[in-house]
ModelCIF file with pLDDT and N, C-alpha, C, O atoms, coordinates in Angstrom:
data_MODEL
#
_entry.id   MODEL 
#
_entity.id                         1 
_entity.type                       polymer 
_entity.pdbx_number_of_molecules   1 
#
_entity_poly.entity_id                      1 
_entity_poly.type                           'polypeptide(L)' 
_entity_poly.nstd_linkage                   no 
_entity_poly.nstd_monomer                   no 
_entity_poly.pdbx_seq_one_letter_code       
;(UNK)(UNK)(UNK)(UNK)(UNK)(UNK)(UNK)(UNK)(UNK)(UNK)(UNK)(UNK)(UNK)(UNK)(UNK)(UNK)
(UNK)(UNK)(UNK)(UNK)(UNK)(UNK)(UNK)(UNK)(UNK)(UNK)(UNK)(UNK)(UNK)(UNK)(UNK)(UNK)
(UNK)(UNK)(UNK)
;
_entity_poly.pdbx_seq_one_letter_code_can   XXXXXXXXXXXXXXXXXXXXXXXXXXXXXXXXXXX 
_entity_poly.pdbx_strand_id                 A 
#
loop_
_entity_poly_seq.entity_id 
_entity_poly_seq.num 
_entity_poly_seq.mon_id 
_entity_poly_seq.hetero 
1 1  UNK n 
1 2  UNK n 
1 3  UNK n 
1 4  UNK n 
1 5  UNK n 
1 6  UNK n 
1 7  UNK n 
1 8  UNK n 
1 9  UNK n 
1 10 UNK n 
1 11 UNK n 
1 12 UNK n 
1 13 UNK n 
1 14 UNK n 
1 15 UNK n 
1 16 UNK n 
1 17 UNK n 
1 18 UNK n 
1 19 UNK n 
1 20 UNK n 
1 21 UNK n 
1 22 UNK n 
1 23 UNK n 
1 24 UNK n 
1 25 UNK n 
1 26 UNK n 
1 27 UNK n 
1 28 UNK n 
1 29 UNK n 
1 30 UNK n 
1 31 UNK n 
1 32 UNK n 
1 33 UNK n 
1 34 UNK n 
1 35 UNK n 
#
_struct_asym.id          A 
_struct_asym.entity_id   1 
#
loop_
_ma_qa_metric.id 
_ma_qa_metric.mode 
_ma_qa_metric.name 
_ma_qa_metric.software_group_id 
_ma_qa_metric.type 
1 global pLDDT . pLDDT 
2 local  pLDDT . pLDDT 
#
_ma_qa_metric_global.metric_id      1 
_ma_qa_metric_global.metric_value   92.09 
_ma_qa_metric_global.model_id       1 
_ma_qa_metric_global.ordinal_id     1 
#
loop_
_ma_qa_metric_local.label_asym_id 
_ma_qa_metric_local.label_comp_id 
_ma_qa_metric_local.label_seq_id 
_ma_qa_metric_local.metric_id 
_ma_qa_metric_local.metric_value 
_ma_qa_metric_local.model_id 
_ma_qa_metric_local.ordinal_id 
A UNK 1  2 61.00 1 1  
A UNK 2  2 67.00 1 2  
A UNK 3  2 89.00 1 3  
A UNK 4  2 94.00 1 4  
A UNK 5  2 94.00 1 5  
A UNK 6  2 95.00 1 6  
A UNK 7  2 96.00 1 7  
A UNK 8  2 96.00 1 8  
A UNK 9  2 95.00 1 9  
A UNK 10 2 94.00 1 10 
A UNK 11 2 92.00 1 11 
A UNK 12 2 89.00 1 12 
A UNK 13 2 89.00 1 13 
A UNK 14 2 92.00 1 14 
A UNK 15 2 95.00 1 15 
A UNK 16 2 96.00 1 16 
A UNK 17 2 96.00 1 17 
A UNK 18 2 97.00 1 18 
A UNK 19 2 96.00 1 19 
A UNK 20 2 97.00 1 20 
A UNK 21 2 95.00 1 21 
A UNK 22 2 95.00 1 22 
A UNK 23 2 93.00 1 23 
A UNK 24 2 87.00 1 24 
A UNK 25 2 83.00 1 25 
A UNK 26 2 86.00 1 26 
A UNK 27 2 95.00 1 27 
A UNK 28 2 96.00 1 28 
A UNK 29 2 96.00 1 29 
A UNK 30 2 96.00 1 30 
A UNK 31 2 97.00 1 31 
A UNK 32 2 96.00 1 32 
A UNK 33 2 97.00 1 33 
A UNK 34 2 96.00 1 34 
A UNK 35 2 95.00 1 35 
#
loop_
_atom_site.group_PDB 
_atom_site.id 
_atom_site.type_symbol 
_atom_site.label_atom_id 
_atom_site.label_alt_id 
_atom_site.label_comp_id 
_atom_site.label_asym_id 
_atom_site.label_entity_id 
_atom_site.label_seq_id 
_atom_site.pdbx_PDB_ins_code 
_atom_site.Cartn_x 
_atom_site.Cartn_y 
_atom_site.Cartn_z 
_atom_site.occupancy 
_atom_site.B_iso_or_equiv 
_atom_site.pdbx_formal_charge 
_atom_site.auth_seq_id 
_atom_site.auth_comp_id 
_atom_site.auth_asym_id 
_atom_site.auth_atom_id 
_atom_site.pdbx_PDB_model_num 
ATOM 1   N N  . UNK A 1 1  ? -5.856 6.522   -10.148 1.00 61.00 ? 1  UNK A N  1 
ATOM 2   C CA . UNK A 1 1  ? -7.142 6.306   -10.817 1.00 61.00 ? 1  UNK A CA 1 
ATOM 3   C C  . UNK A 1 1  ? -7.940 5.184   -10.162 1.00 61.00 ? 1  UNK A C  1 
ATOM 4   O O  . UNK A 1 1  ? -8.665 4.459   -10.843 1.00 61.00 ? 1  UNK A O  1 
ATOM 5   N N  . UNK A 1 2  ? -7.812 5.039   -8.852  1.00 67.00 ? 2  UNK A N  1 
ATOM 6   C CA . UNK A 1 2  ? -8.562 4.006   -8.161  1.00 67.00 ? 2  UNK A CA 1 
ATOM 7   C C  . UNK A 1 2  ? -7.881 2.664   -8.121  1.00 67.00 ? 2  UNK A C  1 
ATOM 8   O O  . UNK A 1 2  ? -8.417 1.728   -7.528  1.00 67.00 ? 2  UNK A O  1 
ATOM 9   N N  . UNK A 1 3  ? -6.708 2.531   -8.733  1.00 89.00 ? 3  UNK A N  1 
ATOM 10  C CA . UNK A 1 3  ? -5.979 1.270   -8.725  1.00 89.00 ? 3  UNK A CA 1 
ATOM 11  C C  . UNK A 1 3  ? -4.935 1.219   -7.613  1.00 89.00 ? 3  UNK A C  1 
ATOM 12  O O  . UNK A 1 3  ? -4.131 0.288   -7.557  1.00 89.00 ? 3  UNK A O  1 
ATOM 13  N N  . UNK A 1 4  ? -4.944 2.211   -6.734  1.00 94.00 ? 4  UNK A N  1 
ATOM 14  C CA . UNK A 1 4  ? -3.984 2.283   -5.634  1.00 94.00 ? 4  UNK A CA 1 
ATOM 15  C C  . UNK A 1 4  ? -4.758 2.416   -4.324  1.00 94.00 ? 4  UNK A C  1 
ATOM 16  O O  . UNK A 1 4  ? -5.644 3.262   -4.199  1.00 94.00 ? 4  UNK A O  1 
ATOM 17  N N  . UNK A 1 5  ? -4.411 1.567   -3.345  1.00 94.00 ? 5  UNK A N  1 
ATOM 18  C CA . UNK A 1 5  ? -4.995 1.636   -2.013  1.00 94.00 ? 5  UNK A CA 1 
ATOM 19  C C  . UNK A 1 5  ? -3.842 1.797   -1.026  1.00 94.00 ? 5  UNK A C  1 
ATOM 20  O O  . UNK A 1 5  ? -2.905 0.998   -1.002  1.00 94.00 ? 5  UNK A O  1 
ATOM 21  N N  . UNK A 1 6  ? -3.934 2.847   -0.216  1.00 95.00 ? 6  UNK A N  1 
ATOM 22  C CA . UNK A 1 6  ? -2.862 3.159   0.724   1.00 95.00 ? 6  UNK A CA 1 
ATOM 23  C C  . UNK A 1 6  ? -3.428 3.207   2.141   1.00 95.00 ? 6  UNK A C  1 
ATOM 24  O O  . UNK A 1 6  ? -4.444 3.853   2.397   1.00 95.00 ? 6  UNK A O  1 
ATOM 25  N N  . UNK A 1 7  ? -2.750 2.506   3.063   1.00 96.00 ? 7  UNK A N  1 
ATOM 26  C CA . UNK A 1 7  ? -3.171 2.482   4.455   1.00 96.00 ? 7  UNK A CA 1 
ATOM 27  C C  . UNK A 1 7  ? -2.087 3.101   5.325   1.00 96.00 ? 7  UNK A C  1 
ATOM 28  O O  . UNK A 1 7  ? -0.896 2.898   5.092   1.00 96.00 ? 7  UNK A O  1 
ATOM 29  N N  . UNK A 1 8  ? -2.522 3.873   6.351   1.00 96.00 ? 8  UNK A N  1 
ATOM 30  C CA . UNK A 1 8  ? -1.581 4.527   7.257   1.00 96.00 ? 8  UNK A CA 1 
ATOM 31  C C  . UNK A 1 8  ? -2.050 4.345   8.697   1.00 96.00 ? 8  UNK A C  1 
ATOM 32  O O  . UNK A 1 8  ? -3.249 4.336   8.975   1.00 96.00 ? 8  UNK A O  1 
ATOM 33  N N  . UNK A 1 9  ? -1.085 4.200   9.611   1.00 95.00 ? 9  UNK A N  1 
ATOM 34  C CA . UNK A 1 9  ? -1.408 4.052   11.030  1.00 95.00 ? 9  UNK A CA 1 
ATOM 35  C C  . UNK A 1 9  ? -0.176 4.391   11.856  1.00 95.00 ? 9  UNK A C  1 
ATOM 36  O O  . UNK A 1 9  ? 0.945  4.400   11.348  1.00 95.00 ? 9  UNK A O  1 
ATOM 37  N N  . UNK A 1 10 ? -0.400 4.668   13.134  1.00 94.00 ? 10 UNK A N  1 
ATOM 38  C CA . UNK A 1 10 ? 0.685  4.827   14.095  1.00 94.00 ? 10 UNK A CA 1 
ATOM 39  C C  . UNK A 1 10 ? 0.808  3.531   14.877  1.00 94.00 ? 10 UNK A C  1 
ATOM 40  O O  . UNK A 1 10 ? -0.151 3.084   15.505  1.00 94.00 ? 10 UNK A O  1 
ATOM 41  N N  . UNK A 1 11 ? 1.986  2.931   14.838  1.00 92.00 ? 11 UNK A N  1 
ATOM 42  C CA . UNK A 1 11 ? 2.235  1.656   15.502  1.00 92.00 ? 11 UNK A CA 1 
ATOM 43  C C  . UNK A 1 11 ? 3.434  1.822   16.420  1.00 92.00 ? 11 UNK A C  1 
ATOM 44  O O  . UNK A 1 11 ? 4.547  2.063   15.955  1.00 92.00 ? 11 UNK A O  1 
ATOM 45  N N  . UNK A 1 12 ? 3.212  1.694   17.712  1.00 89.00 ? 12 UNK A N  1 
ATOM 46  C CA . UNK A 1 12 ? 4.264  1.863   18.707  1.00 89.00 ? 12 UNK A CA 1 
ATOM 47  C C  . UNK A 1 12 ? 4.996  3.192   18.525  1.00 89.00 ? 12 UNK A C  1 
ATOM 48  O O  . UNK A 1 12 ? 6.219  3.266   18.643  1.00 89.00 ? 12 UNK A O  1 
ATOM 49  N N  . UNK A 1 13 ? 4.225  4.235   18.235  1.00 89.00 ? 13 UNK A N  1 
ATOM 50  C CA . UNK A 1 13 ? 4.802  5.559   18.076  1.00 89.00 ? 13 UNK A CA 1 
ATOM 51  C C  . UNK A 1 13 ? 5.490  5.797   16.754  1.00 89.00 ? 13 UNK A C  1 
ATOM 52  O O  . UNK A 1 13 ? 6.122  6.838   16.572  1.00 89.00 ? 13 UNK A O  1 
ATOM 53  N N  . UNK A 1 14 ? 5.385  4.849   15.810  1.00 92.00 ? 14 UNK A N  1 
ATOM 54  C CA . UNK A 1 14 ? 6.017  5.017   14.500  1.00 92.00 ? 14 UNK A CA 1 
ATOM 55  C C  . UNK A 1 14 ? 4.948  5.022   13.413  1.00 92.00 ? 14 UNK A C  1 
ATOM 56  O O  . UNK A 1 14 ? 4.000  4.238   13.455  1.00 92.00 ? 14 UNK A O  1 
ATOM 57  N N  . UNK A 1 15 ? 5.111  5.907   12.446  1.00 95.00 ? 15 UNK A N  1 
ATOM 58  C CA . UNK A 1 15 ? 4.183  5.969   11.318  1.00 95.00 ? 15 UNK A CA 1 
ATOM 59  C C  . UNK A 1 15 ? 4.463  4.802   10.375  1.00 95.00 ? 15 UNK A C  1 
ATOM 60  O O  . UNK A 1 15 ? 5.596  4.599   9.939   1.00 95.00 ? 15 UNK A O  1 
ATOM 61  N N  . UNK A 1 16 ? 3.430  4.048   10.071  1.00 96.00 ? 16 UNK A N  1 
ATOM 62  C CA . UNK A 1 16 ? 3.559  2.886   9.194   1.00 96.00 ? 16 UNK A CA 1 
ATOM 63  C C  . UNK A 1 16 ? 2.566  3.016   8.053   1.00 96.00 ? 16 UNK A C  1 
ATOM 64  O O  . UNK A 1 16 ? 1.413  3.390   8.268   1.00 96.00 ? 16 UNK A O  1 
ATOM 65  N N  . UNK A 1 17 ? 3.003  2.714   6.854   1.00 96.00 ? 17 UNK A N  1 
ATOM 66  C CA . UNK A 1 17 ? 2.111  2.749   5.693   1.00 96.00 ? 17 UNK A CA 1 
ATOM 67  C C  . UNK A 1 17 ? 2.316  1.490   4.860   1.00 96.00 ? 17 UNK A C  1 
ATOM 68  O O  . UNK A 1 17 ? 3.431  0.982   4.739   1.00 96.00 ? 17 UNK A O  1 
ATOM 69  N N  . UNK A 1 18 ? 1.218  0.996   4.289   1.00 97.00 ? 18 UNK A N  1 
ATOM 70  C CA . UNK A 1 18 ? 1.242  -0.149  3.375   1.00 97.00 ? 18 UNK A CA 1 
ATOM 71  C C  . UNK A 1 18 ? 0.417  0.246   2.159   1.00 97.00 ? 18 UNK A C  1 
ATOM 72  O O  . UNK A 1 18 ? -0.749 0.621   2.282   1.00 97.00 ? 18 UNK A O  1 
ATOM 73  N N  . UNK A 1 19 ? 1.033  0.158   0.984   1.00 96.00 ? 19 UNK A N  1 
ATOM 74  C CA . UNK A 1 19 ? 0.409  0.629   -0.250  1.00 96.00 ? 19 UNK A CA 1 
ATOM 75  C C  . UNK A 1 19 ? 0.297  -0.514  -1.250  1.00 96.00 ? 19 UNK A C  1 
ATOM 76  O O  . UNK A 1 19 ? 1.266  -1.232  -1.499  1.00 96.00 ? 19 UNK A O  1 
ATOM 77  N N  . UNK A 1 20 ? -0.892 -0.676  -1.818  1.00 97.00 ? 20 UNK A N  1 
ATOM 78  C CA . UNK A 1 20 ? -1.148 -1.676  -2.866  1.00 97.00 ? 20 UNK A CA 1 
ATOM 79  C C  . UNK A 1 20 ? -1.334 -0.947  -4.196  1.00 97.00 ? 20 UNK A C  1 
ATOM 80  O O  . UNK A 1 20 ? -2.093 0.018   -4.284  1.00 97.00 ? 20 UNK A O  1 
ATOM 81  N N  . UNK A 1 21 ? -0.643 -1.414  -5.212  1.00 95.00 ? 21 UNK A N  1 
ATOM 82  C CA . UNK A 1 21 ? -0.836 -0.902  -6.578  1.00 95.00 ? 21 UNK A CA 1 
ATOM 83  C C  . UNK A 1 21 ? -1.251 -2.081  -7.459  1.00 95.00 ? 21 UNK A C  1 
ATOM 84  O O  . UNK A 1 21 ? -0.452 -2.982  -7.713  1.00 95.00 ? 21 UNK A O  1 
ATOM 85  N N  . UNK A 1 22 ? -2.481 -2.072  -7.916  1.00 95.00 ? 22 UNK A N  1 
ATOM 86  C CA . UNK A 1 22 ? -3.045 -3.171  -8.694  1.00 95.00 ? 22 UNK A CA 1 
ATOM 87  C C  . UNK A 1 22 ? -2.813 -2.902  -10.177 1.00 95.00 ? 22 UNK A C  1 
ATOM 88  O O  . UNK A 1 22 ? -3.207 -1.859  -10.698 1.00 95.00 ? 22 UNK A O  1 
ATOM 89  N N  . UNK A 1 23 ? -2.179 -3.840  -10.840 1.00 93.00 ? 23 UNK A N  1 
ATOM 90  C CA . UNK A 1 23 ? -1.819 -3.667  -12.241 1.00 93.00 ? 23 UNK A CA 1 
ATOM 91  C C  . UNK A 1 23 ? -2.952 -4.151  -13.133 1.00 93.00 ? 23 UNK A C  1 
ATOM 92  O O  . UNK A 1 23 ? -3.443 -5.263  -12.944 1.00 93.00 ? 23 UNK A O  1 
ATOM 93  N N  . UNK A 1 24 ? -3.382 -3.341  -14.104 1.00 87.00 ? 24 UNK A N  1 
ATOM 94  C CA . UNK A 1 24 ? -4.471 -3.763  -14.992 1.00 87.00 ? 24 UNK A CA 1 
ATOM 95  C C  . UNK A 1 24 ? -4.034 -4.901  -15.902 1.00 87.00 ? 24 UNK A C  1 
ATOM 96  O O  . UNK A 1 24 ? -2.847 -5.079  -16.176 1.00 87.00 ? 24 UNK A O  1 
ATOM 97  N N  . UNK A 1 25 ? -5.021 -5.671  -16.368 1.00 83.00 ? 25 UNK A N  1 
ATOM 98  C CA . UNK A 1 25 ? -4.776 -6.810  -17.266 1.00 83.00 ? 25 UNK A CA 1 
ATOM 99  C C  . UNK A 1 25 ? -3.730 -7.755  -16.700 1.00 83.00 ? 25 UNK A C  1 
ATOM 100 O O  . UNK A 1 25 ? -2.903 -8.292  -17.437 1.00 83.00 ? 25 UNK A O  1 
ATOM 101 N N  . UNK A 1 26 ? -3.770 -7.955  -15.393 1.00 86.00 ? 26 UNK A N  1 
ATOM 102 C CA . UNK A 1 26 ? -2.766 -8.788  -14.749 1.00 86.00 ? 26 UNK A CA 1 
ATOM 103 C C  . UNK A 1 26 ? -3.307 -9.270  -13.418 1.00 86.00 ? 26 UNK A C  1 
ATOM 104 O O  . UNK A 1 26 ? -4.242 -8.686  -12.869 1.00 86.00 ? 26 UNK A O  1 
ATOM 105 N N  . UNK A 1 27 ? -2.722 -10.330 -12.905 1.00 95.00 ? 27 UNK A N  1 
ATOM 106 C CA . UNK A 1 27 ? -3.035 -10.805 -11.564 1.00 95.00 ? 27 UNK A CA 1 
ATOM 107 C C  . UNK A 1 27 ? -1.978 -10.336 -10.570 1.00 95.00 ? 27 UNK A C  1 
ATOM 108 O O  . UNK A 1 27 ? -1.835 -10.913 -9.493  1.00 95.00 ? 27 UNK A O  1 
ATOM 109 N N  . UNK A 1 28 ? -1.251 -9.304  -10.928 1.00 96.00 ? 28 UNK A N  1 
ATOM 110 C CA . UNK A 1 28 ? -0.138 -8.828  -10.123 1.00 96.00 ? 28 UNK A CA 1 
ATOM 111 C C  . UNK A 1 28 ? -0.534 -7.608  -9.298  1.00 96.00 ? 28 UNK A C  1 
ATOM 112 O O  . UNK A 1 28 ? -1.367 -6.794  -9.699  1.00 96.00 ? 28 UNK A O  1 
ATOM 113 N N  . UNK A 1 29 ? 0.100  -7.515  -8.122  1.00 96.00 ? 29 UNK A N  1 
ATOM 114 C CA . UNK A 1 29 ? -0.075 -6.370  -7.236  1.00 96.00 ? 29 UNK A CA 1 
ATOM 115 C C  . UNK A 1 29 ? 1.296  -5.996  -6.700  1.00 96.00 ? 29 UNK A C  1 
ATOM 116 O O  . UNK A 1 29 ? 2.023  -6.854  -6.199  1.00 96.00 ? 29 UNK A O  1 
ATOM 117 N N  . UNK A 1 30 ? 1.652  -4.732  -6.800  1.00 96.00 ? 30 UNK A N  1 
ATOM 118 C CA . UNK A 1 30 ? 2.894  -4.244  -6.199  1.00 96.00 ? 30 UNK A CA 1 
ATOM 119 C C  . UNK A 1 30 ? 2.577  -3.696  -4.806  1.00 96.00 ? 30 UNK A C  1 
ATOM 120 O O  . UNK A 1 30 ? 1.670  -2.880  -4.641  1.00 96.00 ? 30 UNK A O  1 
ATOM 121 N N  . UNK A 1 31 ? 3.329  -4.151  -3.819  1.00 97.00 ? 31 UNK A N  1 
ATOM 122 C CA . UNK A 1 31 ? 3.094  -3.768  -2.436  1.00 97.00 ? 31 UNK A CA 1 
ATOM 123 C C  . UNK A 1 31 ? 4.349  -3.108  -1.882  1.00 97.00 ? 31 UNK A C  1 
ATOM 124 O O  . UNK A 1 31 ? 5.462  -3.585  -2.105  1.00 97.00 ? 31 UNK A O  1 
ATOM 125 N N  . UNK A 1 32 ? 4.164  -2.009  -1.162  1.00 96.00 ? 32 UNK A N  1 
ATOM 126 C CA . UNK A 1 32 ? 5.279  -1.307  -0.518  1.00 96.00 ? 32 UNK A CA 1 
ATOM 127 C C  . UNK A 1 32 ? 4.888  -0.990  0.914   1.00 96.00 ? 32 UNK A C  1 
ATOM 128 O O  . UNK A 1 32 ? 3.776  -0.533  1.174   1.00 96.00 ? 32 UNK A O  1 
ATOM 129 N N  . UNK A 1 33 ? 5.811  -1.236  1.847   1.00 97.00 ? 33 UNK A N  1 
ATOM 130 C CA . UNK A 1 33 ? 5.599  -0.920  3.258   1.00 97.00 ? 33 UNK A CA 1 
ATOM 131 C C  . UNK A 1 33 ? 6.717  -0.003  3.727   1.00 97.00 ? 33 UNK A C  1 
ATOM 132 O O  . UNK A 1 33 ? 7.873  -0.181  3.342   1.00 97.00 ? 33 UNK A O  1 
ATOM 133 N N  . UNK A 1 34 ? 6.381  0.970   4.551   1.00 96.00 ? 34 UNK A N  1 
ATOM 134 C CA . UNK A 1 34 ? 7.369  1.913   5.080   1.00 96.00 ? 34 UNK A CA 1 
ATOM 135 C C  . UNK A 1 34 ? 7.085  2.155   6.549   1.00 96.00 ? 34 UNK A C  1 
ATOM 136 O O  . UNK A 1 34 ? 5.937  2.353   6.947   1.00 96.00 ? 34 UNK A O  1 
ATOM 137 N N  . UNK A 1 35 ? 8.153  2.139   7.362   1.00 95.00 ? 35 UNK A N  1 
ATOM 138 C CA . UNK A 1 35 ? 8.050  2.381   8.797   1.00 95.00 ? 35 UNK A CA 1 
ATOM 139 C C  . UNK A 1 35 ? 8.979  3.539   9.149   1.00 95.00 ? 35 UNK A C  1 
ATOM 140 O O  . UNK A 1 35 ? 9.064  3.930   10.313  1.00 95.00 ? 35 UNK A O  1 
#
């Protein structure tokens, strides 16, 4: 619902993603990275 931002790229021939999940009513953000 617009509270998730996901980035993807190829880095040195490997697929890399970094995802932000912003929690409502909070100053918290959950971040996940995958290579």
